[in-house]
Amino acid sequence: MTVKKYTKEEIDTMEDKTDYERVNGMTDEEIRKSAQSDPDVPIQSEKELEKFRPAKRRGRGDESKKS
């Protein structure tokens, strides 16, 4: 498997190809079936999901203060 790395600048200029209308229209069951059919998506149990915590911000301080 090949891993392609991108800089933040490259990511910022990429075209977003997500079909948000389709995604927002999906039911929980459709999302679950889609995830279960994708071998690259590890399915977590409810017990595992309870352990999840928000990611800590990384960087050099508060990005909102930059202009």
Protein backbone atom coordinates (compact mmCIF):
# COMPACT_ATOMS: atom_id res chain seq x y z
CA MET A 1 0.00 0.00 0.00
CA THR A 2 1.29 3.43 -0.94
CA VAL A 3 0.98 6.32 1.49
CA LYS A 4 0.85 9.80 0.00
CA LYS A 5 1.77 12.68 2.29
CA TYR A 6 0.50 16.22 1.79
CA THR A 7 1.50 19.53 3.29
CA LYS A 8 -1.13 21.70 4.99
CA GLU A 9 -0.88 24.12 2.07
CA GLU A 10 -1.61 21.33 -0.43
CA ILE A 11 -4.60 20.15 1.59
CA ASP A 12 -5.95 23.71 1.87
CA THR A 13 -5.97 24.05 -1.94
CA MET A 14 -7.51 20.63 -2.69
CA GLU A 15 -11.00 20.41 -4.15
CA ASP A 16 -13.55 18.95 -1.72
CA LYS A 17 -15.31 16.12 -3.57
CA THR A 18 -17.57 15.07 -0.69
CA ASP A 19 -21.24 14.77 -1.62
CA TYR A 20 -22.57 16.38 1.57
CA GLU A 21 -26.20 16.19 0.42
CA ARG A 22 -25.91 12.41 0.08
CA VAL A 23 -24.00 12.04 3.36
CA ASN A 24 -26.45 14.21 5.31
CA GLY A 25 -29.34 12.22 3.87
CA MET A 26 -28.02 8.84 5.06
CA THR A 27 -29.68 7.07 7.96
CA ASP A 28 -27.65 5.56 10.80
CA GLU A 29 -28.40 2.11 9.38
CA GLU A 30 -27.10 3.11 5.92
CA ILE A 31 -23.93 4.53 7.49
CA ARG A 32 -23.43 1.35 9.53
CA LYS A 33 -23.90 -0.91 6.47
CA SER A 34 -21.52 1.23 4.44
CA ALA A 35 -18.86 1.11 7.16
CA GLN A 36 -19.25 -2.64 7.63
CA SER A 37 -18.72 -3.24 3.92
CA ASP A 38 -15.46 -1.21 3.89
CA PRO A 39 -12.42 -3.32 4.89
CA ASP A 40 -10.47 -0.15 5.79
CA VAL A 41 -12.97 0.91 8.49
CA PRO A 42 -12.45 -0.74 11.87
CA ILE A 43 -15.83 -1.13 13.59
CA GLN A 44 -15.69 -0.32 17.32
CA SER A 45 -18.03 -1.74 19.91
CA GLU A 46 -20.17 0.55 22.06
CA LYS A 47 -17.81 -0.17 24.97
CA GLU A 48 -14.80 0.90 22.87
CA LEU A 49 -16.60 4.05 21.71
CA GLU A 50 -17.29 5.05 25.33
CA LYS A 51 -13.50 5.31 25.83
CA PHE A 52 -13.08 7.89 23.04
CA ARG A 53 -12.12 11.40 24.11
CA PRO A 54 -11.74 14.58 22.04
CA ALA A 55 -8.29 14.99 20.52
CA LYS A 56 -6.02 17.58 22.07
CA ARG A 57 -5.12 20.48 19.82
CA ARG A 58 -1.56 20.43 18.60
CA GLY A 59 0.45 23.38 17.44
CA ARG A 60 2.04 26.55 18.64
CA GLY A 61 -0.82 28.17 20.45
CA ASP A 62 -4.19 29.61 19.60
CA GLU A 63 -4.67 29.63 15.81
CA SER A 64 -7.57 32.11 16.11
CA LYS A 65 -5.18 34.87 17.21
CA LYS A 66 -3.22 34.73 13.95
CA SER A 67 -4.07 37.23 11.24
